[in-house]
C-alpha cells in the first residue's frame, strides 16, 4: 500500500503552559517515519483521530473530544448552554400548545377560530424549533474554535515535512440518506486546501459534495461495473478508484 486510512489513535497530545492540549510533534514524527520506512508515501488518512460524528463507538474522535471539553470551559459556554435550555423549554411548551389546539379543534362544537388556532400554534412550533436549532449551533462555536486550532496545529507540523505522505481528513463516516451536518464543513473552514474524504454510498453523495473534495464511494460492488470505472477514469487524470 502507498496510502493508509488510520482507524484508531494516531496523534499524541500534551498539555501546554496555557493549560490547553496541543499536538505532540515529536510523537507524530516518529509514527510518520514508520510509514515512510514501509513505503507509505502517498497518503495518510486520519479518521478516528479527527472524526466529529459518533460512529462506530458512540463518541467522536479524540480531537473533537478535546474540543468539547475545552469548549465547555470557555467563558461564554455557560450562558450559551442556558440559552439553549431556554430555547428547548420554549419548543416543548409550543409543542404542548399545538397538541392542545389540535384536541380543541376536534371537539364537538369546535369553532372556526379553534381550527385557525391550530395553524397559528403549528407556525409557533416551527419558529421555536428554528430558535432551538440556532441556539444549539451557538453552543458549538467554542467547540469548533478549539477543533480548528488543533487542525491548524496539525497542518503546521505536516507542512514542515514535505517528505511525508499527504494528510487526508475523514471527519465523518457513512452518513444516513439525506442527512448532513455543518460539522462536516469544519475541516475546510479552517484548512481550505485540505484533502477531505468520507465513506459514502453513491446515492447519498450529492448533498455532501460541498463538504468533501475526495469522497470514497462505499456502495456494494453491484454499482461498480467496469463501465462505471471506465467513465470515472475518463473524467479527470487525477481521479482514481
C-alpha atoms as a PDB file:
ATOM      1  CA  UNK A   1       0.000   0.000   0.000  1.00  0.00           C
ATOM      2  CA  UNK A   2       1.068   3.585  -0.589  1.00  0.00           C
ATOM      3  CA  UNK A   3      -1.809   5.082   1.405  1.00  0.00           C
ATOM      4  CA  UNK A   4      -3.369   4.069   4.713  1.00  0.00           C
ATOM      5  CA  UNK A   5      -6.551   5.298   6.393  1.00  0.00           C
ATOM      6  CA  UNK A   6      -5.964   5.119  10.127  1.00  0.00           C
ATOM      7  CA  UNK A   7      -8.921   3.936  12.206  1.00  0.00           C
ATOM      8  CA  UNK A   8      -7.664   4.417  15.740  1.00  0.00           C
ATOM      9  CA  UNK A   9      -5.366   6.759  17.595  1.00  0.00           C
ATOM     10  CA  UNK A  10      -2.527   8.339  15.642  1.00  0.00           C
ATOM     11  CA  UNK A  11      -1.793  11.633  17.370  1.00  0.00           C
ATOM     12  CA  UNK A  12      -0.432  12.239  20.845  1.00  0.00           C
ATOM     13  CA  UNK A  13      -1.314  15.318  22.853  1.00  0.00           C
ATOM     14  CA  UNK A  14       0.485  17.236  25.574  1.00  0.00           C
ATOM     15  CA  UNK A  15      -0.791  19.921  27.892  1.00  0.00           C
ATOM     16  CA  UNK A  16       0.833  23.281  27.285  1.00  0.00           C
ATOM     17  CA  UNK A  17       1.672  26.063  29.696  1.00  0.00           C
ATOM     18  CA  UNK A  18      -1.595  27.693  28.643  1.00  0.00           C
ATOM     19  CA  UNK A  19      -3.465  24.750  30.156  1.00  0.00           C
ATOM     20  CA  UNK A  20      -4.711  23.627  26.745  1.00  0.00           C
ATOM     21  CA  UNK A  21      -3.996  20.397  24.912  1.00  0.00           C
ATOM     22  CA  UNK A  22      -1.640  20.547  21.939  1.00  0.00           C
ATOM     23  CA  UNK A  23      -0.441  18.025  19.376  1.00  0.00           C
ATOM     24  CA  UNK A  24       2.914  16.434  20.218  1.00  0.00           C
ATOM     25  CA  UNK A  25       5.059  16.906  17.095  1.00  0.00           C
ATOM     26  CA  UNK A  26       7.810  14.510  18.198  1.00  0.00           C
ATOM     27  CA  UNK A  27       5.380  11.612  18.630  1.00  0.00           C
ATOM     28  CA  UNK A  28       3.804  12.319  15.253  1.00  0.00           C
ATOM     29  CA  UNK A  29       7.191  12.482  13.535  1.00  0.00           C
ATOM     30  CA  UNK A  30       8.042   9.044  14.914  1.00  0.00           C
ATOM     31  CA  UNK A  31       4.815   7.496  13.619  1.00  0.00           C
ATOM     32  CA  UNK A  32       5.138   9.142  10.226  1.00  0.00           C
ATOM     33  CA  UNK A  33       8.682   7.826   9.884  1.00  0.00           C
ATOM     34  CA  UNK A  34       7.275   4.336  10.390  1.00  0.00           C
ATOM     35  CA  UNK A  35       5.015   4.900   7.384  1.00  0.00           C
ATOM     36  CA  UNK A  36       7.905   6.144   5.259  1.00  0.00           C
ATOM     37  CA  UNK A  37      10.056   3.186   6.283  1.00  0.00           C
ATOM     38  CA  UNK A  38       7.324   0.877   4.995  1.00  0.00           C
ATOM     39  CA  UNK A  39       6.736   2.620   1.681  1.00  0.00           C
ATOM     40  CA  UNK A  40       3.582   4.521   2.604  1.00  0.00           C
ATOM     41  CA  UNK A  41       4.427   7.711   0.737  1.00  0.00           C
ATOM     42  CA  UNK A  42       1.188   8.817  -0.957  1.00  0.00           C
ATOM     43  CA  UNK A  43      -1.362   9.439   1.754  1.00  0.00           C
ATOM     44  CA  UNK A  44      -2.004   9.170   5.473  1.00  0.00           C
ATOM     45  CA  UNK A  45      -5.704   9.345   6.195  1.00  0.00           C
ATOM     46  CA  UNK A  46      -6.992  10.198   9.652  1.00  0.00           C
ATOM     47  CA  UNK A  47     -10.482   9.134  10.684  1.00  0.00           C
ATOM     48  CA  UNK A  48     -10.818   8.168  14.329  1.00  0.00           C
ATOM     49  CA  UNK A  49      -8.486  10.982  15.319  1.00  0.00           C
ATOM     50  CA  UNK A  50     -10.387  13.810  13.591  1.00  0.00           C
ATOM     51  CA  UNK A  51     -13.949  12.455  13.384  1.00  0.00           C
ATOM     52  CA  UNK A  52     -16.743  14.747  14.521  1.00  0.00           C
ATOM     53  CA  UNK A  53     -19.508  12.152  14.163  1.00  0.00           C
ATOM     54  CA  UNK A  54     -20.040   9.421  16.741  1.00  0.00           C
ATOM     55  CA  UNK A  55     -19.645   6.243  14.682  1.00  0.00           C
ATOM     56  CA  UNK A  56     -18.783   3.476  15.282  1.00  0.00           C
ATOM     57  CA  UNK A  57     -18.040   3.703  19.003  1.00  0.00           C
ATOM     58  CA  UNK A  58     -20.754   6.086  20.134  1.00  0.00           C
ATOM     59  CA  UNK A  59     -18.477   9.089  20.564  1.00  0.00           C
ATOM     60  CA  UNK A  60     -16.460  11.454  18.370  1.00  0.00           C
ATOM     61  CA  UNK A  61     -12.707  11.212  17.882  1.00  0.00           C
ATOM     62  CA  UNK A  62     -10.146  12.355  20.397  1.00  0.00           C
ATOM     63  CA  UNK A  63      -9.507  15.723  18.768  1.00  0.00           C
ATOM     64  CA  UNK A  64     -13.218  16.538  18.911  1.00  0.00           C
ATOM     65  CA  UNK A  65     -13.472  15.246  22.491  1.00  0.00           C
ATOM     66  CA  UNK A  66     -10.695  17.632  23.494  1.00  0.00           C
ATOM     67  CA  UNK A  67     -12.566  20.386  21.680  1.00  0.00           C
ATOM     68  CA  UNK A  68     -15.797  19.596  23.525  1.00  0.00           C
ATOM     69  CA  UNK A  69     -14.021  19.581  26.871  1.00  0.00           C
ATOM     70  CA  UNK A  70     -12.120  22.821  26.322  1.00  0.00           C
ATOM     71  CA  UNK A  71     -15.081  24.425  24.577  1.00  0.00           C
ATOM     72  CA  UNK A  72     -17.290  23.691  27.574  1.00  0.00           C
ATOM     73  CA  UNK A  73     -14.784  25.538  29.764  1.00  0.00           C
ATOM     74  CA  UNK A  74     -14.882  28.667  27.593  1.00  0.00           C
ATOM     75  CA  UNK A  75     -16.259  31.732  29.455  1.00  0.00           C
ATOM     76  CA  UNK A  76     -19.228  32.100  27.113  1.00  0.00           C
ATOM     77  CA  UNK A  77     -20.277  28.439  27.175  1.00  0.00           C
ATOM     78  CA  UNK A  78     -22.366  28.575  30.355  1.00  0.00           C
ATOM     79  CA  UNK A  79     -24.502  31.411  29.008  1.00  0.00           C
ATOM     80  CA  UNK A  80     -24.879  29.699  25.633  1.00  0.00           C
ATOM     81  CA  UNK A  81     -25.945  26.455  27.315  1.00  0.00           C
ATOM     82  CA  UNK A  82     -28.500  28.337  29.407  1.00  0.00           C
ATOM     83  CA  UNK A  83     -29.916  29.943  26.269  1.00  0.00           C
ATOM     84  CA  UNK A  84     -30.183  26.511  24.645  1.00  0.00           C
ATOM     85  CA  UNK A  85     -32.060  25.111  27.641  1.00  0.00           C
ATOM     86  CA  UNK A  86     -34.473  28.049  27.500  1.00  0.00           C
ATOM     87  CA  UNK A  87     -34.995  27.531  23.769  1.00  0.00           C
ATOM     88  CA  UNK A  88     -35.632  23.829  24.347  1.00  0.00           C
ATOM     89  CA  UNK A  89     -38.197  24.600  27.054  1.00  0.00           C
ATOM     90  CA  UNK A  90     -39.925  27.049  24.710  1.00  0.00           C
ATOM     91  CA  UNK A  91     -40.052  24.396  21.995  1.00  0.00           C
ATOM     92  CA  UNK A  92     -41.565  21.845  24.403  1.00  0.00           C
ATOM     93  CA  UNK A  93     -44.177  24.393  25.500  1.00  0.00           C
ATOM     94  CA  UNK A  94     -45.006  25.225  21.877  1.00  0.00           C
ATOM     95  CA  UNK A  95     -45.457  21.516  21.108  1.00  0.00           C
ATOM     96  CA  UNK A  96     -47.800  21.112  24.078  1.00  0.00           C
ATOM     97  CA  UNK A  97     -49.834  24.140  22.991  1.00  0.00           C
ATOM     98  CA  UNK A  98     -50.131  22.753  19.466  1.00  0.00           C
ATOM     99  CA  UNK A  99     -51.310  19.396  20.800  1.00  0.00           C
ATOM    100  CA  UNK A 100     -53.922  21.144  22.944  1.00  0.00           C
ATOM    101  CA  UNK A 101     -55.088  23.259  19.990  1.00  0.00           C
ATOM    102  CA  UNK A 102     -55.482  20.153  17.855  1.00  0.00           C
ATOM    103  CA  UNK A 103     -57.553  18.468  20.551  1.00  0.00           C
ATOM    104  CA  UNK A 104     -59.766  21.540  20.882  1.00  0.00           C
ATOM    105  CA  UNK A 105     -60.273  21.721  17.119  1.00  0.00           C
ATOM    106  CA  UNK A 106     -61.609  18.148  17.008  1.00  0.00           C
ATOM    107  CA  UNK A 107     -64.085  18.520  19.866  1.00  0.00           C
ATOM    108  CA  UNK A 108     -67.836  18.759  19.190  1.00  0.00           C
ATOM    109  CA  UNK A 109     -68.774  22.393  18.794  1.00  0.00           C
ATOM    110  CA  UNK A 110     -65.279  23.464  17.731  1.00  0.00           C
ATOM    111  CA  UNK A 111     -65.353  26.868  16.073  1.00  0.00           C
ATOM    112  CA  UNK A 112     -63.516  28.227  13.058  1.00  0.00           C
ATOM    113  CA  UNK A 113     -61.322  30.137  15.468  1.00  0.00           C
ATOM    114  CA  UNK A 114     -60.345  26.847  17.128  1.00  0.00           C
ATOM    115  CA  UNK A 115     -59.290  25.436  13.765  1.00  0.00           C
ATOM    116  CA  UNK A 116     -57.368  28.573  12.865  1.00  0.00           C
ATOM    117  CA  UNK A 117     -55.556  28.337  16.181  1.00  0.00           C
ATOM    118  CA  UNK A 118     -54.020  25.050  15.030  1.00  0.00           C
ATOM    119  CA  UNK A 119     -52.284  26.780  12.135  1.00  0.00           C
ATOM    120  CA  UNK A 120     -51.016  29.535  14.419  1.00  0.00           C
ATOM    121  CA  UNK A 121     -49.694  27.084  17.000  1.00  0.00           C
ATOM    122  CA  UNK A 122     -48.082  24.986  14.261  1.00  0.00           C
ATOM    123  CA  UNK A 123     -46.258  28.065  12.968  1.00  0.00           C
ATOM    124  CA  UNK A 124     -45.192  28.922  16.516  1.00  0.00           C
ATOM    125  CA  UNK A 125     -43.742  25.434  16.985  1.00  0.00           C
ATOM    126  CA  UNK A 126     -41.753  25.712  13.759  1.00  0.00           C
ATOM    127  CA  UNK A 127     -40.325  29.025  14.937  1.00  0.00           C
ATOM    128  CA  UNK A 128     -39.461  27.535  18.325  1.00  0.00           C
ATOM    129  CA  UNK A 129     -37.660  24.635  16.659  1.00  0.00           C
ATOM    130  CA  UNK A 130     -35.686  27.050  14.496  1.00  0.00           C
ATOM    131  CA  UNK A 131     -34.677  29.106  17.546  1.00  0.00           C
ATOM    132  CA  UNK A 132     -33.611  25.951  19.386  1.00  0.00           C
ATOM    133  CA  UNK A 133     -31.526  24.881  16.397  1.00  0.00           C
ATOM    134  CA  UNK A 134     -29.855  28.293  16.265  1.00  0.00           C
ATOM    135  CA  UNK A 135     -29.182  28.164  19.998  1.00  0.00           C
ATOM    136  CA  UNK A 136     -27.612  24.720  19.637  1.00  0.00           C
ATOM    137  CA  UNK A 137     -25.196  25.848  16.942  1.00  0.00           C
ATOM    138  CA  UNK A 138     -24.181  28.816  19.059  1.00  0.00           C
ATOM    139  CA  UNK A 139     -23.146  26.336  21.780  1.00  0.00           C
ATOM    140  CA  UNK A 140     -20.972  24.562  19.209  1.00  0.00           C
ATOM    141  CA  UNK A 141     -18.986  27.663  18.263  1.00  0.00           C
ATOM    142  CA  UNK A 142     -16.459  27.403  21.162  1.00  0.00           C
ATOM    143  CA  UNK A 143     -16.041  23.710  20.324  1.00  0.00           C
ATOM    144  CA  UNK A 144     -15.429  24.494  16.664  1.00  0.00           C
ATOM    145  CA  UNK A 145     -12.766  27.057  17.529  1.00  0.00           C
ATOM    146  CA  UNK A 146     -10.790  24.555  19.626  1.00  0.00           C
ATOM    147  CA  UNK A 147     -11.129  21.899  16.928  1.00  0.00           C
ATOM    148  CA  UNK A 148      -9.933  24.431  14.366  1.00  0.00           C
ATOM    149  CA  UNK A 149      -6.936  25.361  16.492  1.00  0.00           C
ATOM    150  CA  UNK A 150      -5.871  21.727  16.679  1.00  0.00           C
ATOM    151  CA  UNK A 151      -6.405  21.261  12.933  1.00  0.00           C
ATOM    152  CA  UNK A 152      -4.139  24.225  12.259  1.00  0.00           C
ATOM    153  CA  UNK A 153      -1.504  22.837  14.634  1.00  0.00           C
ATOM    154  CA  UNK A 154      -1.615  19.528  12.788  1.00  0.00           C
ATOM    155  CA  UNK A 155      -1.373  21.264   9.423  1.00  0.00           C
ATOM    156  CA  UNK A 156       1.600  23.366  10.558  1.00  0.00           C
ATOM    157  CA  UNK A 157       3.509  20.276  11.701  1.00  0.00           C
ATOM    158  CA  UNK A 158       2.720  18.477   8.446  1.00  0.00           C
ATOM    159  CA  UNK A 159       3.924  21.383   6.311  1.00  0.00           C
ATOM    160  CA  UNK A 160       7.339  21.184   7.955  1.00  0.00           C
ATOM    161  CA  UNK A 161       7.753  17.707   6.435  1.00  0.00           C
ATOM    162  CA  UNK A 162       7.259  17.746   2.654  1.00  0.00           C
ATOM    163  CA  UNK A 163       8.584  14.181   2.567  1.00  0.00           C
ATOM    164  CA  UNK A 164       5.528  12.926   4.446  1.00  0.00           C
ATOM    165  CA  UNK A 165       2.551  11.409   2.607  1.00  0.00           C
ATOM    166  CA  UNK A 166      -0.325  13.840   2.153  1.00  0.00           C
ATOM    167  CA  UNK A 167      -2.703  14.240   5.076  1.00  0.00           C
ATOM    168  CA  UNK A 168      -6.265  13.187   4.275  1.00  0.00           C
ATOM    169  CA  UNK A 169      -9.050  14.192   6.657  1.00  0.00           C
ATOM    170  CA  UNK A 170     -12.061  11.915   7.099  1.00  0.00           C
ATOM    171  CA  UNK A 171     -14.209  13.582   9.732  1.00  0.00           C
ATOM    172  CA  UNK A 172     -17.416  11.578   9.118  1.00  0.00           C
ATOM    173  CA  UNK A 173     -18.323   8.019   8.176  1.00  0.00           C
ATOM    174  CA  UNK A 174     -21.304   6.747   6.180  1.00  0.00           C
ATOM    175  CA  UNK A 175     -23.947   9.432   6.782  1.00  0.00           C
ATOM    176  CA  UNK A 176     -27.543   8.310   6.508  1.00  0.00           C
ATOM    177  CA  UNK A 177     -29.627   9.169   3.454  1.00  0.00           C
ATOM    178  CA  UNK A 178     -30.097  12.942   3.078  1.00  0.00           C
ATOM    179  CA  UNK A 179     -28.514  13.567   6.467  1.00  0.00           C
ATOM    180  CA  UNK A 180     -25.682  16.032   6.821  1.00  0.00           C
ATOM    181  CA  UNK A 181     -24.253  18.308   9.478  1.00  0.00           C
ATOM    182  CA  UNK A 182     -22.489  21.679   9.341  1.00  0.00           C
ATOM    183  CA  UNK A 183     -19.738  19.964  11.343  1.00  0.00           C
ATOM    184  CA  UNK A 184     -18.773  18.193   8.134  1.00  0.00           C
ATOM    185  CA  UNK A 185     -17.557  21.559   6.870  1.00  0.00           C
ATOM    186  CA  UNK A 186     -15.364  22.413   9.852  1.00  0.00           C
ATOM    187  CA  UNK A 187     -12.233  20.980   8.238  1.00  0.00           C
ATOM    188  CA  UNK A 188     -12.412  23.145   5.123  1.00  0.00           C
ATOM    189  CA  UNK A 189     -13.411  26.169   7.160  1.00  0.00           C
ATOM    190  CA  UNK A 190     -10.028  26.082   8.894  1.00  0.00           C
ATOM    191  CA  UNK A 191      -7.978  24.279   6.227  1.00  0.00           C
ATOM    192  CA  UNK A 192      -9.391  25.320   2.838  1.00  0.00           C
ATOM    193  CA  UNK A 193      -6.763  23.328   0.922  1.00  0.00           C
ATOM    194  CA  UNK A 194      -7.087  20.100   2.907  1.00  0.00           C
ATOM    195  CA  UNK A 195      -7.878  16.802   1.212  1.00  0.00           C
ATOM    196  CA  UNK A 196     -11.182  15.697   2.721  1.00  0.00           C
ATOM    197  CA  UNK A 197     -12.944  12.385   2.322  1.00  0.00           C
ATOM    198  CA  UNK A 198     -15.658  10.214   3.812  1.00  0.00           C
ATOM    199  CA  UNK A 199     -17.114   6.800   3.078  1.00  0.00           C
ATOM    200  CA  UNK A 200     -20.435   7.489   1.384  1.00  0.00           C
ATOM    201  CA  UNK A 201     -22.853   5.434  -0.662  1.00  0.00           C
ATOM    202  CA  UNK A 202     -23.162   6.703  -4.222  1.00  0.00           C
ATOM    203  CA  UNK A 203     -26.854   7.592  -3.892  1.00  0.00           C
ATOM    204  CA  UNK A 204     -26.157   9.717  -0.803  1.00  0.00           C
ATOM    205  CA  UNK A 205     -23.149  11.598  -2.114  1.00  0.00           C
ATOM    206  CA  UNK A 206     -24.582  14.620  -3.943  1.00  0.00           C
ATOM    207  CA  UNK A 207     -25.675  16.809  -0.977  1.00  0.00           C
ATOM    208  CA  UNK A 208     -22.319  16.158   0.723  1.00  0.00           C
ATOM    209  CA  UNK A 209     -20.042  17.323  -2.079  1.00  0.00           C
ATOM    210  CA  UNK A 210     -19.933  20.852  -0.679  1.00  0.00           C
ATOM    211  CA  UNK A 211     -18.057  19.468   2.339  1.00  0.00           C
ATOM    212  CA  UNK A 212     -15.643  16.963   0.750  1.00  0.00           C
ATOM    213  CA  UNK A 213     -13.366  17.084  -2.263  1.00  0.00           C
ATOM    214  CA  UNK A 214     -12.346  13.395  -2.375  1.00  0.00           C
ATOM    215  CA  UNK A 215     -15.343  11.220  -1.436  1.00  0.00           C
ATOM    216  CA  UNK A 216     -14.725   7.485  -1.160  1.00  0.00           C
ATOM    217  CA  UNK A 217     -17.596   5.660  -2.846  1.00  0.00           C
ATOM    218  CA  UNK A 218     -18.737   2.958  -0.455  1.00  0.00           C
ATOM    219  CA  UNK A 219     -21.639   1.227  -2.210  1.00  0.00           C
ATOM    220  CA  UNK A 220     -21.757  -2.549  -2.661  1.00  0.00           C
ATOM    221  CA  UNK A 221     -19.988  -3.856  -5.733  1.00  0.00           C
ATOM    222  CA  UNK A 222     -23.147  -4.125  -7.845  1.00  0.00           C
ATOM    223  CA  UNK A 223     -22.941  -0.479  -8.880  1.00  0.00           C
ATOM    224  CA  UNK A 224     -19.246  -0.568  -9.772  1.00  0.00           C
ATOM    225  CA  UNK A 225     -19.247  -2.413 -13.057  1.00  0.00           C
ATOM    226  CA  UNK A 226     -16.361  -1.882 -15.486  1.00  0.00           C
ATOM    227  CA  UNK A 227     -18.351   0.680 -17.464  1.00  0.00           C
ATOM    228  CA  UNK A 228     -18.689   2.869 -14.347  1.00  0.00           C
ATOM    229  CA  UNK A 229     -14.988   2.591 -13.556  1.00  0.00           C
ATOM    230  CA  UNK A 230     -14.125   3.489 -17.155  1.00  0.00           C
ATOM    231  CA  UNK A 231     -16.420   6.513 -17.031  1.00  0.00           C
ATOM    232  CA  UNK A 232     -14.915   7.768 -13.756  1.00  0.00           C
ATOM    233  CA  UNK A 233     -11.358   7.423 -15.030  1.00  0.00           C
ATOM    234  CA  UNK A 234     -12.205   9.489 -18.112  1.00  0.00           C
ATOM    235  CA  UNK A 235     -13.430  12.431 -16.071  1.00  0.00           C
ATOM    236  CA  UNK A 236     -10.042  13.640 -14.921  1.00  0.00           C
ATOM    237  CA  UNK A 237      -6.481  12.294 -14.924  1.00  0.00           C
ATOM    238  CA  UNK A 238      -6.354  12.849 -11.164  1.00  0.00           C
ATOM    239  CA  UNK A 239      -9.476  10.816 -10.386  1.00  0.00           C
ATOM    240  CA  UNK A 240      -8.748   7.358  -9.039  1.00  0.00           C
ATOM    241  CA  UNK A 241     -10.562   4.313  -7.793  1.00  0.00           C
END
